[in-house]
Amino acid sequence: MITVDSREKLLIAELTSIGVEFDVQSLPLGDILMTGVVIERKTGPDLASSIVDGRFREQKARLIASGMKVIYIIEGSLQSGQMLKSSIGAITNMILRGRVSLCRTDNVGETVAVLRDLHKKITRGVTTTSSGILPPMLGKRKRCADNTGLRMLMCISGVSEGIAQRLIELYPTMKDLRSALSAKAVIRLSPSRKLGPVIMGRLTAAIG
């Protein structure tokens, strides 16, 4: 299944118009999720502005820390002038350091074509190299599970693997967790322990 962040209105409209099956959620990490893969979609202006305000470095670090295969889709033309130099620098660094994969597309239609092909190959279990489509799992006891939600939650400061696992047990989807956070529900990790206000606040900020 392709999962798209609820803020990606243009992408959602394009996927809907051509009848692609997908799910919409408020994602705390990335713009598109597939099994074992997190994708960040940025237009040229988006990339430039994220470099200026520092979001690009922070977002990239969180994506890499997720343990999933990270793909950046850079859509459309890059900004001109000084920002062109900064954008190209960011792109070449991603290529040379090898921690993420990069794809350039002209428009949202091409982006959707890339997503459809990626999804088809992922569902067939196709990998390319040792760092290919499907990344290593967190551990032997979870190798048969889809750890996407678990890894996303663990990217939030203070959320351990145990806490993330308990949250998924209580709230199987991000929508369920977001509803509980919005309602300021008491989230019990055990009969004698509840989730503290600091981590509750971080979860709310990340999930929205």
C-alpha atoms as a PDB file:
ATOM      1  CA  MET A   1       0.000   0.000   0.000  1.00  0.00           C
ATOM      2  CA  ILE A   2       1.125   3.544  -0.757  1.00  0.00           C
ATOM      3  CA  THR A   3       0.522   5.930   2.147  1.00  0.00           C
ATOM      4  CA  VAL A   4       0.557   9.667   1.419  1.00  0.00           C
ATOM      5  CA  ASP A   5       0.781  12.499   3.928  1.00  0.00           C
ATOM      6  CA  SER A   6      -2.486  14.405   4.208  1.00  0.00           C
ATOM      7  CA  ARG A   7      -0.743  17.707   3.393  1.00  0.00           C
ATOM      8  CA  GLU A   8       0.284  16.495  -0.073  1.00  0.00           C
ATOM      9  CA  LYS A   9      -2.882  17.836  -1.739  1.00  0.00           C
ATOM     10  CA  LEU A  10      -1.529  18.019  -5.304  1.00  0.00           C
ATOM     11  CA  LEU A  11      -0.118  14.517  -5.141  1.00  0.00           C
ATOM     12  CA  ILE A  12      -3.339  13.148  -3.634  1.00  0.00           C
ATOM     13  CA  ALA A  13      -5.382  14.758  -6.419  1.00  0.00           C
ATOM     14  CA  GLU A  14      -3.118  13.304  -9.118  1.00  0.00           C
ATOM     15  CA  LEU A  15      -3.175   9.801  -7.627  1.00  0.00           C
ATOM     16  CA  THR A  16      -6.959   9.968  -7.294  1.00  0.00           C
ATOM     17  CA  SER A  17      -7.450  11.177 -10.874  1.00  0.00           C
ATOM     18  CA  ILE A  18      -5.745   8.112 -12.353  1.00  0.00           C
ATOM     19  CA  GLY A  19      -7.280   5.590  -9.965  1.00  0.00           C
ATOM     20  CA  VAL A  20      -4.224   4.588  -7.941  1.00  0.00           C
ATOM     21  CA  GLU A  21      -5.073   2.817  -4.695  1.00  0.00           C
ATOM     22  CA  PHE A  22      -3.519   4.598  -1.722  1.00  0.00           C
ATOM     23  CA  ASP A  23      -4.105   5.622   1.874  1.00  0.00           C
ATOM     24  CA  VAL A  24      -3.969   9.123   3.384  1.00  0.00           C
ATOM     25  CA  GLN A  25      -2.596   9.769   6.874  1.00  0.00           C
ATOM     26  CA  SER A  26      -0.850  12.509   8.808  1.00  0.00           C
ATOM     27  CA  LEU A  27       2.715  11.190   8.691  1.00  0.00           C
ATOM     28  CA  PRO A  28       5.293  12.226  11.298  1.00  0.00           C
ATOM     29  CA  LEU A  29       8.089  11.401   8.863  1.00  0.00           C
ATOM     30  CA  GLY A  30       8.347  11.775   5.082  1.00  0.00           C
ATOM     31  CA  ASP A  31       5.654  12.481   2.491  1.00  0.00           C
ATOM     32  CA  ILE A  32       5.088   8.987   1.087  1.00  0.00           C
ATOM     33  CA  LEU A  33       5.503   5.575   2.691  1.00  0.00           C
ATOM     34  CA  MET A  34       5.721   2.117   1.165  1.00  0.00           C
ATOM     35  CA  THR A  35       6.883  -1.110   2.776  1.00  0.00           C
ATOM     36  CA  GLY A  36      10.334  -0.367   4.155  1.00  0.00           C
ATOM     37  CA  VAL A  37      10.662   2.851   2.149  1.00  0.00           C
ATOM     38  CA  VAL A  38      10.162   6.493   3.114  1.00  0.00           C
ATOM     39  CA  ILE A  39      10.036   9.155   0.413  1.00  0.00           C
ATOM     40  CA  GLU A  40      10.457  12.910   0.749  1.00  0.00           C
ATOM     41  CA  ARG A  41       8.973  14.891  -2.147  1.00  0.00           C
ATOM     42  CA  LYS A  42      10.217  18.431  -2.692  1.00  0.00           C
ATOM     43  CA  THR A  43       9.654  20.927  -5.463  1.00  0.00           C
ATOM     44  CA  GLY A  44      12.576  23.165  -6.421  1.00  0.00           C
ATOM     45  CA  PRO A  45      11.297  26.086  -4.295  1.00  0.00           C
ATOM     46  CA  ASP A  46      10.547  23.707  -1.381  1.00  0.00           C
ATOM     47  CA  LEU A  47      14.113  22.434  -1.459  1.00  0.00           C
ATOM     48  CA  ALA A  48      15.571  25.939  -1.525  1.00  0.00           C
ATOM     49  CA  SER A  49      13.431  27.210   1.360  1.00  0.00           C
ATOM     50  CA  SER A  50      14.165  24.142   3.502  1.00  0.00           C
ATOM     51  CA  ILE A  51      17.902  24.702   3.030  1.00  0.00           C
ATOM     52  CA  VAL A  52      17.584  28.348   4.075  1.00  0.00           C
ATOM     53  CA  ASP A  53      15.575  27.707   7.255  1.00  0.00           C
ATOM     54  CA  GLY A  54      17.514  24.589   8.286  1.00  0.00           C
ATOM     55  CA  ARG A  55      14.674  22.094   7.840  1.00  0.00           C
ATOM     56  CA  PHE A  56      16.494  20.181   5.118  1.00  0.00           C
ATOM     57  CA  ARG A  57      19.367  19.050   7.330  1.00  0.00           C
ATOM     58  CA  GLU A  58      17.057  18.142  10.226  1.00  0.00           C
ATOM     59  CA  GLN A  59      14.563  16.285   8.007  1.00  0.00           C
ATOM     60  CA  LYS A  60      17.304  14.319   6.254  1.00  0.00           C
ATOM     61  CA  ALA A  61      18.829  13.269   9.594  1.00  0.00           C
ATOM     62  CA  ARG A  62      15.454  12.018  10.854  1.00  0.00           C
ATOM     63  CA  LEU A  63      14.791  10.135   7.620  1.00  0.00           C
ATOM     64  CA  ILE A  64      18.165   8.381   7.758  1.00  0.00           C
ATOM     65  CA  ALA A  65      17.679   7.578  11.470  1.00  0.00           C
ATOM     66  CA  SER A  66      14.432   5.754  10.641  1.00  0.00           C
ATOM     67  CA  GLY A  67      16.400   2.794   9.282  1.00  0.00           C
ATOM     68  CA  MET A  68      14.185   2.678   6.202  1.00  0.00           C
ATOM     69  CA  LYS A  69      15.306   3.090   2.612  1.00  0.00           C
ATOM     70  CA  VAL A  70      15.273   6.878   2.029  1.00  0.00           C
ATOM     71  CA  ILE A  71      14.374   8.363  -1.347  1.00  0.00           C
ATOM     72  CA  TYR A  72      14.196  12.054  -2.236  1.00  0.00           C
ATOM     73  CA  ILE A  73      12.078  13.077  -5.216  1.00  0.00           C
ATOM     74  CA  ILE A  74      13.025  16.571  -6.430  1.00  0.00           C
ATOM     75  CA  GLU A  75      10.217  17.828  -8.642  1.00  0.00           C
ATOM     76  CA  GLY A  76      10.416  20.640 -11.190  1.00  0.00           C
ATOM     77  CA  SER A  77      13.044  23.311 -11.785  1.00  0.00           C
ATOM     78  CA  LEU A  78      15.493  24.419  -9.137  1.00  0.00           C
ATOM     79  CA  GLN A  79      15.616  27.998  -7.917  1.00  0.00           C
ATOM     80  CA  SER A  80      17.947  30.357  -9.772  1.00  0.00           C
ATOM     81  CA  GLY A  81      20.831  32.507  -8.529  1.00  0.00           C
ATOM     82  CA  GLN A  82      22.520  31.738  -5.226  1.00  0.00           C
ATOM     83  CA  MET A  83      19.841  29.244  -4.257  1.00  0.00           C
ATOM     84  CA  LEU A  84      20.611  27.219  -7.391  1.00  0.00           C
ATOM     85  CA  LYS A  85      24.144  26.719  -6.083  1.00  0.00           C
ATOM     86  CA  SER A  86      22.843  25.689  -2.642  1.00  0.00           C
ATOM     87  CA  SER A  87      20.279  23.296  -4.106  1.00  0.00           C
ATOM     88  CA  ILE A  88      22.818  21.645  -6.401  1.00  0.00           C
ATOM     89  CA  GLY A  89      25.218  21.345  -3.453  1.00  0.00           C
ATOM     90  CA  ALA A  90      22.559  19.599  -1.381  1.00  0.00           C
ATOM     91  CA  ILE A  91      21.734  17.234  -4.243  1.00  0.00           C
ATOM     92  CA  THR A  92      25.361  16.317  -5.006  1.00  0.00           C
ATOM     93  CA  ASN A  93      26.042  15.715  -1.306  1.00  0.00           C
ATOM     94  CA  MET A  94      23.137  13.265  -1.205  1.00  0.00           C
ATOM     95  CA  ILE A  95      24.500  11.437  -4.242  1.00  0.00           C
ATOM     96  CA  LEU A  96      28.112  11.276  -3.058  1.00  0.00           C
ATOM     97  CA  ARG A  97      27.436  10.279   0.536  1.00  0.00           C
ATOM     98  CA  GLY A  98      25.235   7.412  -0.537  1.00  0.00           C
ATOM     99  CA  ARG A  99      22.897   7.531   2.443  1.00  0.00           C
ATOM    100  CA  VAL A 100      19.830   8.327   0.349  1.00  0.00           C
ATOM    101  CA  SER A 101      18.609   7.772  -3.212  1.00  0.00           C
ATOM    102  CA  LEU A 102      17.619  10.685  -5.427  1.00  0.00           C
ATOM    103  CA  CYS A 103      15.157  11.015  -8.294  1.00  0.00           C
ATOM    104  CA  ARG A 104      14.417  14.112 -10.399  1.00  0.00           C
ATOM    105  CA  THR A 105      11.001  14.571 -12.018  1.00  0.00           C
ATOM    106  CA  ASP A 106       9.567  17.372 -14.143  1.00  0.00           C
ATOM    107  CA  ASN A 107       6.106  17.495 -12.593  1.00  0.00           C
ATOM    108  CA  VAL A 108       3.657  15.736 -10.293  1.00  0.00           C
ATOM    109  CA  GLY A 109       2.565  13.423 -13.118  1.00  0.00           C
ATOM    110  CA  GLU A 110       6.099  12.083 -13.473  1.00  0.00           C
ATOM    111  CA  THR A 111       6.350  11.771  -9.698  1.00  0.00           C
ATOM    112  CA  VAL A 112       3.242   9.580  -9.658  1.00  0.00           C
ATOM    113  CA  ALA A 113       4.698   7.425 -12.459  1.00  0.00           C
ATOM    114  CA  VAL A 114       7.848   6.896 -10.366  1.00  0.00           C
ATOM    115  CA  LEU A 115       5.792   6.039  -7.278  1.00  0.00           C
ATOM    116  CA  ARG A 116       3.709   3.488  -9.174  1.00  0.00           C
ATOM    117  CA  ASP A 117       6.808   1.761 -10.541  1.00  0.00           C
ATOM    118  CA  LEU A 118       8.524   1.756  -7.147  1.00  0.00           C
ATOM    119  CA  HIS A 119       5.445   0.282  -5.500  1.00  0.00           C
ATOM    120  CA  LYS A 120       5.124  -2.428  -8.146  1.00  0.00           C
ATOM    121  CA  LYS A 121       8.731  -3.513  -7.680  1.00  0.00           C
ATOM    122  CA  ILE A 122       8.608  -3.348  -3.891  1.00  0.00           C
ATOM    123  CA  THR A 123       5.484  -5.522  -3.746  1.00  0.00           C
ATOM    124  CA  ARG A 124       7.248  -8.056  -5.977  1.00  0.00           C
ATOM    125  CA  GLY A 125      10.151  -8.128  -3.507  1.00  0.00           C
ATOM    126  CA  VAL A 126      12.692  -6.758  -5.998  1.00  0.00           C
ATOM    127  CA  THR A 127      15.984  -5.488  -4.563  1.00  0.00           C
ATOM    128  CA  THR A 128      19.001  -4.101  -6.372  1.00  0.00           C
ATOM    129  CA  THR A 129      22.050  -4.123  -4.094  1.00  0.00           C
ATOM    130  CA  SER A 130      22.770  -4.744  -0.426  1.00  0.00           C
ATOM    131  CA  SER A 131      21.395  -1.254   0.194  1.00  0.00           C
ATOM    132  CA  GLY A 132      18.486  -1.717  -2.219  1.00  0.00           C
ATOM    133  CA  ILE A 133      14.746  -1.272  -1.915  1.00  0.00           C
ATOM    134  CA  LEU A 134      14.140  -3.298   1.243  1.00  0.00           C
ATOM    135  CA  PRO A 135      16.301  -2.260   4.221  1.00  0.00           C
ATOM    136  CA  PRO A 136      17.414  -4.398   7.163  1.00  0.00           C
ATOM    137  CA  MET A 137      14.808  -5.069   9.825  1.00  0.00           C
ATOM    138  CA  LEU A 138      15.253  -3.960  13.420  1.00  0.00           C
ATOM    139  CA  GLY A 139      15.825  -7.478  14.733  1.00  0.00           C
ATOM    140  CA  LYS A 140      15.133 -11.155  14.202  1.00  0.00           C
ATOM    141  CA  ARG A 141      11.897 -11.195  16.159  1.00  0.00           C
ATOM    142  CA  LYS A 142      10.421  -8.522  13.873  1.00  0.00           C
ATOM    143  CA  ARG A 143      11.672  -9.683  10.476  1.00  0.00           C
ATOM    144  CA  CYS A 144       8.253 -10.875   9.375  1.00  0.00           C
ATOM    145  CA  ALA A 145       6.535  -7.619  10.339  1.00  0.00           C
ATOM    146  CA  ASP A 146       6.152  -4.286   8.602  1.00  0.00           C
ATOM    147  CA  ASN A 147       8.104  -1.983  10.923  1.00  0.00           C
ATOM    148  CA  THR A 148       7.323   1.283   9.159  1.00  0.00           C
ATOM    149  CA  GLY A 149       5.150   2.750  11.929  1.00  0.00           C
ATOM    150  CA  LEU A 150       7.522   1.511  14.627  1.00  0.00           C
ATOM    151  CA  ARG A 151      10.548   3.116  12.989  1.00  0.00           C
ATOM    152  CA  MET A 152       8.719   6.385  12.403  1.00  0.00           C
ATOM    153  CA  LEU A 153       7.739   6.685  16.050  1.00  0.00           C
ATOM    154  CA  MET A 154      11.266   5.833  17.198  1.00  0.00           C
ATOM    155  CA  CYS A 155      12.565   8.871  15.272  1.00  0.00           C
ATOM    156  CA  ILE A 156      10.791  11.088  17.831  1.00  0.00           C
ATOM    157  CA  SER A 157      13.069  12.080  20.692  1.00  0.00           C
ATOM    158  CA  GLY A 158      12.343  10.089  23.862  1.00  0.00           C
ATOM    159  CA  VAL A 159      10.301   7.374  22.123  1.00  0.00           C
ATOM    160  CA  SER A 160      12.085   4.068  22.707  1.00  0.00           C
ATOM    161  CA  GLU A 161      11.371   0.857  20.830  1.00  0.00           C
ATOM    162  CA  GLY A 162       9.290  -0.355  23.788  1.00  0.00           C
ATOM    163  CA  ILE A 163       7.191   2.808  23.888  1.00  0.00           C
ATOM    164  CA  ALA A 164       6.723   2.752  20.113  1.00  0.00           C
ATOM    165  CA  GLN A 165       5.616  -0.885  20.211  1.00  0.00           C
ATOM    166  CA  ARG A 166       3.099  -0.164  22.959  1.00  0.00           C
ATOM    167  CA  LEU A 167       1.697   2.815  21.059  1.00  0.00           C
ATOM    168  CA  ILE A 168       1.186   0.645  17.981  1.00  0.00           C
ATOM    169  CA  GLU A 169      -0.546  -2.004  20.097  1.00  0.00           C
ATOM    170  CA  LEU A 170      -2.907   0.635  21.505  1.00  0.00           C
ATOM    171  CA  TYR A 171      -3.343   2.645  18.279  1.00  0.00           C
ATOM    172  CA  PRO A 172      -2.805   0.540  15.129  1.00  0.00           C
ATOM    173  CA  THR A 173      -2.892   3.570  12.777  1.00  0.00           C
ATOM    174  CA  MET A 174      -1.452   7.069  12.956  1.00  0.00           C
ATOM    175  CA  LYS A 175      -5.015   8.376  12.682  1.00  0.00           C
ATOM    176  CA  ASP A 176      -5.964   6.520  15.868  1.00  0.00           C
ATOM    177  CA  LEU A 177      -2.928   7.877  17.710  1.00  0.00           C
ATOM    178  CA  ARG A 178      -3.550  11.412  16.460  1.00  0.00           C
ATOM    179  CA  SER A 179      -7.160  11.246  17.692  1.00  0.00           C
ATOM    180  CA  ALA A 180      -6.001  10.112  21.143  1.00  0.00           C
ATOM    181  CA  LEU A 181      -3.441  12.916  21.317  1.00  0.00           C
ATOM    182  CA  SER A 182      -5.994  15.496  20.174  1.00  0.00           C
ATOM    183  CA  ALA A 183      -8.385  14.314  22.889  1.00  0.00           C
ATOM    184  CA  LYS A 184      -5.540  14.504  25.446  1.00  0.00           C
ATOM    185  CA  ALA A 185      -6.263  10.910  26.412  1.00  0.00           C
ATOM    186  CA  VAL A 186      -4.232   9.231  29.146  1.00  0.00           C
ATOM    187  CA  ILE A 187      -1.949   6.759  27.368  1.00  0.00           C
ATOM    188  CA  ARG A 188      -0.924   3.936  29.665  1.00  0.00           C
ATOM    189  CA  LEU A 189       2.273   2.075  28.829  1.00  0.00           C
ATOM    190  CA  SER A 190       1.551  -0.344  31.690  1.00  0.00           C
ATOM    191  CA  PRO A 191      -0.938  -0.472  34.595  1.00  0.00           C
ATOM    192  CA  SER A 192       1.420   1.639  36.702  1.00  0.00           C
ATOM    193  CA  ARG A 193       3.004   3.841  34.046  1.00  0.00           C
ATOM    194  CA  LYS A 194       1.568   6.421  31.706  1.00  0.00           C
ATOM    195  CA  LEU A 195       3.105   8.459  28.918  1.00  0.00           C
ATOM    196  CA  GLY A 196       4.516  11.724  30.292  1.00  0.00           C
ATOM    197  CA  PRO A 197       3.592  15.232  29.118  1.00  0.00           C
ATOM    198  CA  VAL A 198       6.963  15.893  27.448  1.00  0.00           C
ATOM    199  CA  ILE A 199       6.758  12.899  25.122  1.00  0.00           C
ATOM    200  CA  MET A 200       3.034  13.516  24.608  1.00  0.00           C
ATOM    201  CA  GLY A 201       3.938  17.014  23.435  1.00  0.00           C
ATOM    202  CA  ARG A 202       6.627  15.724  21.073  1.00  0.00           C
ATOM    203  CA  LEU A 203       4.246  13.168  19.613  1.00  0.00           C
ATOM    204  CA  THR A 204       1.584  15.819  19.095  1.00  0.00           C
ATOM    205  CA  ALA A 205       4.062  18.128  17.373  1.00  0.00           C
ATOM    206  CA  ALA A 206       5.348  15.362  15.109  1.00  0.00           C
ATOM    207  CA  ILE A 207       2.046  13.752  14.166  1.00  0.00           C
ATOM    208  CA  GLY A 208      -0.049  16.918  14.055  1.00  0.00           C
END
